[in-house]
Amino acid sequence: MKYRYPFTNEIVFALVMQDKEICRGFLQLIFPEKKIRDLKLHEAHVDVEKTIIVGLESRKVRFDVLFEDSTEWYDIEMQCRNEHNIPKRSRYSHGIMDVNMLKPGQDFNELKASYVIFLCCFDPIGNGDAVYKFSMKADETYLPLNDESYTIMLNSQAEPARTPEPLGELFRYMNESVVANDNTLIHQIDDSVGSWNTGEGVNVILTLSHEISIKEERARKQGYEEGHLEGLEKGLEEGREKGREEGREEGREEGREEGREEGREEGRREGQVNIAKKLKESGITADMIAKCTGISIEEVQNL
């Protein structure tokens, strides 16, 4: 059944995945070789700031569901808009998980293995694979770093032939809302999605959507104001620097002009002195020489 707010809706996904049994079944699909035991949901009280790892970020709201068991942490997130940033989101999520895991005074070796898992309604890497798994390895030798941090990306748009059988029915449900008759997990998910699409559930979704819009608009305005102030300060500094450079250039030009004028004046005076010397050698009186050259009588007499 198709719902107004499907499983791929970020809010609905976060609400549905609060169910530990559903989350355990989902993780068992991804890790069939593991025995997923008791899970602890962090920040289990559902509101707009606690259905996520760290609440509102400065840029946008993130709906990550964070679980842990005795040896591992799992951060699970639905992504239906390709913002081309999943690798960096993974890096950020791992960092936040580590900060939340390690208490002051604890040794780094006490960090549990961490998994960041993205359910994508698009191919996040573009290679056509249904599952992408990443861990840290050396560039040339491919030796594992063994830091126990792993990123898994699921591509619901992968061709059926390239999709592991346990994931095929989950992908069909994500893409087409088709519920497989004999798949208990998909039935559990669909029942939960249906409950959130009726009565009080819809009110919760609408309330969360409204609060998210308000908080994101507030964050957007704050970002705009901070960016405007930063731009203003940068513009003022650029203006001051340009003004200083123009001032220096004008000063240099004025200095060159004054130098040229002083040079011309010195040249004129030197020429007048030479003329005065020749007139004096010719026997012209000092008074007459002073009148002709503009040099004082005393200077003429001292030549």
Protein backbone atom coordinates (compact mmCIF):
# COMPACT_ATOMS: atom_id res chain seq x y z
CA MET A 1 0.00 0.00 0.00
CA LYS A 2 1.26 3.45 -0.88
CA TYR A 3 1.20 5.98 1.93
CA ARG A 4 1.30 9.75 1.94
CA TYR A 5 4.36 9.52 4.18
CA PRO A 6 6.27 6.42 3.05
CA PHE A 7 9.16 4.58 4.67
CA THR A 8 11.60 6.64 2.59
CA ASN A 9 10.38 9.84 4.24
CA GLU A 10 13.19 10.87 6.60
CA ILE A 11 10.85 11.53 9.50
CA VAL A 12 8.86 8.33 9.04
CA PHE A 13 12.06 6.32 8.68
CA ALA A 14 13.42 7.72 11.96
CA LEU A 15 10.13 7.00 13.73
CA VAL A 16 9.80 3.46 12.38
CA MET A 17 13.40 2.59 13.21
CA GLN A 18 12.82 3.41 16.87
CA ASP A 19 11.42 -0.15 17.04
CA LYS A 20 14.35 -2.28 18.19
CA GLU A 21 12.91 -5.43 16.60
CA ILE A 22 12.63 -3.75 13.22
CA CYS A 23 16.14 -2.33 13.58
CA ARG A 24 17.49 -5.76 14.57
CA GLY A 25 15.82 -7.36 11.55
CA PHE A 26 17.23 -4.66 9.28
CA LEU A 27 20.76 -5.11 10.61
CA GLN A 28 20.40 -8.88 10.25
CA LEU A 29 19.69 -8.32 6.53
CA ILE A 30 22.92 -6.40 6.14
CA PHE A 31 24.99 -8.66 8.38
CA PRO A 32 23.62 -12.18 7.86
CA GLU A 33 26.82 -13.60 9.35
CA LYS A 34 26.30 -11.73 12.65
CA LYS A 35 24.00 -12.58 15.51
CA ILE A 36 22.40 -9.24 16.37
CA ARG A 37 21.44 -9.41 20.05
CA ASP A 38 20.11 -6.76 22.39
CA LEU A 39 20.21 -3.28 20.93
CA LYS A 40 20.14 -0.04 22.84
CA LEU A 41 18.54 2.93 21.11
CA HIS A 42 20.17 6.22 22.01
CA GLU A 43 17.95 9.25 22.59
CA ALA A 44 14.87 7.06 22.25
CA HIS A 45 12.40 9.82 23.13
CA VAL A 46 11.17 11.01 19.75
CA ASP A 47 11.26 14.70 19.06
CA VAL A 48 12.83 16.83 16.42
CA GLU A 49 16.09 17.20 18.28
CA LYS A 50 16.44 13.69 19.67
CA THR A 51 15.75 11.39 16.74
CA ILE A 52 19.29 12.20 15.67
CA ILE A 53 22.82 11.91 16.97
CA VAL A 54 23.55 15.49 17.90
CA GLY A 55 20.30 17.37 17.38
CA LEU A 56 20.11 20.35 15.11
CA GLU A 57 23.24 21.20 13.22
CA SER A 58 23.94 24.75 12.19
CA ARG A 59 23.13 23.92 8.56
CA LYS A 60 20.27 21.40 8.61
CA VAL A 61 18.43 18.71 10.55
CA ARG A 62 19.79 15.17 10.36
CA PHE A 63 17.66 12.10 11.11
CA ASP A 64 20.15 9.44 12.13
CA VAL A 65 19.06 6.49 14.25
CA LEU A 66 21.82 5.40 16.61
CA PHE A 67 21.91 1.93 18.15
CA GLU A 68 24.55 0.01 20.02
CA ASP A 69 25.04 -3.53 21.23
CA SER A 70 27.75 -5.01 23.42
CA THR A 71 30.53 -4.60 20.84
CA GLU A 72 29.35 -2.27 18.07
CA TRP A 73 27.60 1.02 17.26
CA TYR A 74 25.26 1.49 14.28
CA ASP A 75 24.25 4.81 12.78
CA ILE A 76 21.45 4.30 10.22
CA GLU A 77 20.19 7.04 7.89
CA MET A 78 17.76 7.25 4.97
CA GLN A 79 18.93 9.33 2.00
CA CYS A 80 16.53 9.98 -0.89
CA ARG A 81 18.00 13.26 -2.17
CA ASN A 82 21.40 12.94 -3.76
CA GLU A 83 23.30 15.91 -2.39
CA HIS A 84 26.61 14.37 -3.50
CA ASN A 85 28.03 14.52 0.01
CA ILE A 86 27.61 11.03 1.46
CA PRO A 87 31.37 10.30 1.80
CA LYS A 88 31.81 13.48 3.85
CA ARG A 89 28.60 12.78 5.80
CA SER A 90 30.06 9.39 6.66
CA ARG A 91 33.26 10.98 7.90
CA TYR A 92 31.29 13.44 10.03
CA SER A 93 29.03 10.73 11.48
CA HIS A 94 31.96 8.54 12.47
CA GLY A 95 33.55 11.50 14.24
CA ILE A 96 30.36 12.30 16.15
CA MET A 97 29.90 8.66 17.13
CA ASP A 98 33.44 8.47 18.51
CA VAL A 99 32.97 11.67 20.50
CA ASN A 100 29.73 10.28 21.98
CA MET A 101 31.26 6.87 22.69
CA LEU A 102 34.48 7.78 24.45
CA LYS A 103 34.12 9.26 27.91
CA PRO A 104 36.82 11.45 29.51
CA GLY A 105 39.63 9.31 30.82
CA GLN A 106 38.81 6.28 28.70
CA ASP A 107 41.48 4.64 26.55
CA PHE A 108 41.11 4.85 22.77
CA ASN A 109 41.08 1.06 22.61
CA GLU A 110 37.73 1.14 24.40
CA LEU A 111 36.08 2.55 21.29
CA LYS A 112 33.63 0.02 19.86
CA ALA A 113 33.47 -0.84 16.19
CA SER A 114 31.25 1.68 14.40
CA TYR A 115 29.06 1.29 11.32
CA VAL A 116 27.54 4.19 9.41
CA ILE A 117 24.80 2.82 7.16
CA PHE A 118 23.03 4.79 4.41
CA LEU A 119 19.84 3.55 2.74
CA CYS A 120 19.90 5.39 -0.57
CA CYS A 121 17.13 5.80 -3.12
CA PHE A 122 19.87 6.43 -5.70
CA ASP A 123 23.28 5.01 -6.57
CA PRO A 124 25.65 6.94 -4.25
CA ILE A 125 28.82 5.82 -6.04
CA GLY A 126 27.57 5.24 -9.57
CA ASN A 127 29.02 1.76 -10.05
CA GLY A 128 25.68 -0.05 -10.16
CA ASP A 129 26.35 -2.14 -7.05
CA ALA A 130 23.59 -2.84 -4.54
CA VAL A 131 25.95 -2.66 -1.56
CA TYR A 132 29.09 -0.59 -1.11
CA LYS A 133 31.30 -1.37 1.87
CA PHE A 134 34.22 0.81 2.90
CA SER A 135 36.94 0.63 5.53
CA MET A 136 40.34 2.24 5.96
CA LYS A 137 43.20 0.60 4.06
CA ALA A 138 46.72 1.57 2.95
CA ASP A 139 46.83 3.14 -0.52
CA GLU A 140 49.43 0.84 -2.08
CA THR A 141 49.47 -2.36 -0.04
CA TYR A 142 45.76 -2.38 0.98
CA LEU A 143 46.76 -3.31 4.50
CA PRO A 144 43.79 -2.69 6.81
CA LEU A 145 44.13 0.07 9.36
CA ASN A 146 41.95 -1.93 11.77
CA ASP A 147 40.38 1.19 13.27
CA GLU A 148 37.04 -0.68 13.16
CA SER A 149 35.14 2.11 11.45
CA TYR A 150 33.02 1.00 8.49
CA THR A 151 30.68 2.71 6.06
CA ILE A 152 27.97 0.83 4.18
CA MET A 153 25.84 2.34 1.41
CA LEU A 154 22.77 0.53 0.06
CA ASN A 155 21.59 1.40 -3.44
CA SER A 156 17.89 0.59 -3.82
CA GLN A 157 18.10 1.32 -7.58
CA ALA A 158 20.52 -1.54 -8.26
CA GLU A 159 19.50 -4.10 -10.86
CA PRO A 160 17.84 -7.19 -9.30
CA ALA A 161 20.58 -9.38 -10.76
CA ARG A 162 23.18 -7.44 -8.76
CA THR A 163 21.16 -7.32 -5.54
CA PRO A 164 21.68 -9.91 -2.77
CA GLU A 165 18.44 -11.80 -2.28
CA PRO A 166 17.83 -10.68 1.35
CA LEU A 167 17.89 -7.04 0.22
CA GLY A 168 15.77 -7.38 -2.89
CA GLU A 169 12.42 -7.24 -1.08
CA LEU A 170 13.54 -4.29 1.06
CA PHE A 171 14.52 -2.40 -2.09
CA ARG A 172 11.17 -3.20 -3.75
CA TYR A 173 9.40 -1.86 -0.70
CA MET A 174 11.50 1.32 -0.74
CA ASN A 175 10.98 1.86 -4.47
CA GLU A 176 7.40 0.64 -5.02
CA SER A 177 5.87 0.06 -1.54
CA VAL A 178 5.44 -3.62 -2.46
CA VAL A 179 5.06 -5.85 0.61
CA ALA A 180 6.34 -9.39 0.12
CA ASN A 181 3.81 -11.89 1.46
CA ASP A 182 6.24 -14.06 3.39
CA ASN A 183 8.69 -11.39 4.60
CA THR A 184 8.11 -10.73 8.29
CA LEU A 185 10.43 -7.73 8.44
CA ILE A 186 8.77 -5.92 5.53
CA HIS A 187 5.35 -6.58 7.08
CA GLN A 188 6.59 -5.11 10.39
CA ILE A 189 7.95 -2.04 8.62
CA ASP A 190 4.77 -1.56 6.60
CA ASP A 191 2.55 -1.94 9.67
CA SER A 192 4.62 0.69 11.47
CA VAL A 193 4.55 3.04 8.46
CA GLY A 194 0.77 2.58 8.29
CA SER A 195 0.33 3.43 11.97
CA TRP A 196 2.29 6.65 11.52
CA ASN A 197 0.06 7.57 8.56
CA THR A 198 -3.17 7.52 10.57
CA GLY A 199 -4.67 9.70 13.28
CA GLU A 200 -2.20 10.86 15.90
CA GLY A 201 0.73 9.54 13.86
CA VAL A 202 0.07 12.05 11.09
CA ASN A 203 -0.12 14.84 13.67
CA VAL A 204 3.31 13.82 14.95
CA ILE A 205 4.77 13.84 11.43
CA LEU A 206 3.22 17.22 10.61
CA THR A 207 4.37 18.69 13.92
CA LEU A 208 7.91 17.46 13.37
CA SER A 209 7.87 18.73 9.77
CA HIS A 210 6.70 22.13 10.94
CA GLU A 211 9.32 22.32 13.68
CA ILE A 212 12.00 21.25 11.23
CA SER A 213 10.92 23.96 8.76
CA ILE A 214 11.07 26.60 11.49
CA LYS A 215 14.45 25.46 12.75
CA GLU A 216 15.93 25.13 9.27
CA GLU A 217 14.62 28.58 8.32
CA ARG A 218 16.11 29.97 11.52
CA ALA A 219 19.39 28.24 10.74
CA ARG A 220 19.24 29.55 7.17
CA LYS A 221 18.70 33.11 8.37
CA GLN A 222 21.47 32.76 10.90
CA GLY A 223 23.75 31.44 8.18
CA TYR A 224 22.74 34.32 5.90
CA GLU A 225 23.43 36.89 8.61
CA GLU A 226 26.76 35.32 9.47
CA GLY A 227 27.66 35.12 5.79
CA HIS A 228 26.56 38.73 5.21
CA LEU A 229 28.65 39.94 8.15
CA GLU A 230 31.62 37.88 7.02
CA GLY A 231 31.24 39.22 3.50
CA LEU A 232 30.95 42.79 4.80
CA GLU A 233 34.09 42.43 6.89
CA LYS A 234 35.94 40.85 3.98
CA GLY A 235 34.70 43.59 1.65
CA LEU A 236 35.82 46.30 4.07
CA GLU A 237 39.25 44.74 4.39
CA GLU A 238 39.53 44.40 0.62
CA GLY A 239 38.38 48.01 0.27
CA ARG A 240 40.92 49.19 2.83
CA GLU A 241 43.68 47.24 1.11
CA LYS A 242 42.68 48.61 -2.27
CA GLY A 243 42.53 52.10 -0.80
CA ARG A 244 45.97 51.67 0.74
CA GLU A 245 47.36 50.46 -2.58
CA GLU A 246 45.73 53.34 -4.48
CA GLY A 247 47.04 55.74 -1.83
CA ARG A 248 50.53 54.31 -2.15
CA GLU A 249 50.34 54.58 -5.93
CA GLU A 250 49.10 58.19 -5.76
CA GLY A 251 51.83 58.96 -3.24
CA ARG A 252 54.45 57.45 -5.51
CA GLU A 253 53.12 59.43 -8.48
CA GLU A 254 53.06 62.67 -6.46
CA GLY A 255 56.58 61.94 -5.26
CA ARG A 256 57.75 61.34 -8.81
CA GLU A 257 56.10 64.58 -9.97
CA GLU A 258 57.65 66.54 -7.10
CA GLY A 259 61.01 64.97 -7.88
CA ARG A 260 60.70 65.92 -11.52
CA GLU A 261 59.75 69.48 -10.56
CA GLU A 262 62.66 69.73 -8.14
CA GLY A 263 64.96 68.39 -10.84
CA ARG A 264 63.68 70.94 -13.33
CA GLU A 265 64.14 73.73 -10.75
CA GLU A 266 67.67 72.63 -9.97
CA GLY A 267 68.39 72.46 -13.68
CA ARG A 268 67.08 75.98 -14.23
CA ARG A 269 69.15 77.36 -11.35
CA GLU A 270 72.28 75.60 -12.55
CA GLY A 271 71.74 77.11 -15.99
CA GLN A 272 71.28 80.60 -14.50
CA VAL A 273 74.47 80.24 -12.48
CA ASN A 274 76.43 79.24 -15.57
CA ILE A 275 75.04 82.25 -17.46
CA ALA A 276 75.94 84.54 -14.55
CA LYS A 277 79.51 83.23 -14.52
CA LYS A 278 79.93 83.93 -18.23
CA LEU A 279 78.41 87.42 -17.89
CA LYS A 280 80.74 88.18 -14.99
CA GLU A 281 83.73 86.96 -17.00
CA SER A 282 82.62 89.35 -19.76
CA GLY A 283 82.85 92.29 -17.35
CA ILE A 284 79.13 92.83 -16.85
CA THR A 285 78.31 94.49 -13.54
CA ALA A 286 76.94 92.41 -10.69
CA ASP A 287 73.79 94.54 -10.56
CA MET A 288 73.06 93.91 -14.25
CA ILE A 289 73.78 90.16 -13.93
CA ALA A 290 71.40 89.90 -10.97
CA LYS A 291 68.63 91.59 -12.99
CA CYS A 292 69.15 89.28 -15.99
CA THR A 293 69.45 85.95 -14.17
CA GLY A 294 67.37 86.43 -11.00
CA ILE A 295 70.40 85.56 -8.84
CA SER A 296 71.10 87.85 -5.90
CA ILE A 297 73.93 90.39 -6.10
CA GLU A 298 75.69 88.62 -3.19
CA GLU A 299 75.63 85.29 -5.06
CA VAL A 300 76.95 86.96 -8.23
CA GLN A 301 79.77 88.52 -6.25
CA ASN A 302 80.70 85.09 -4.80
CA LEU A 303 80.90 83.37 -8.17
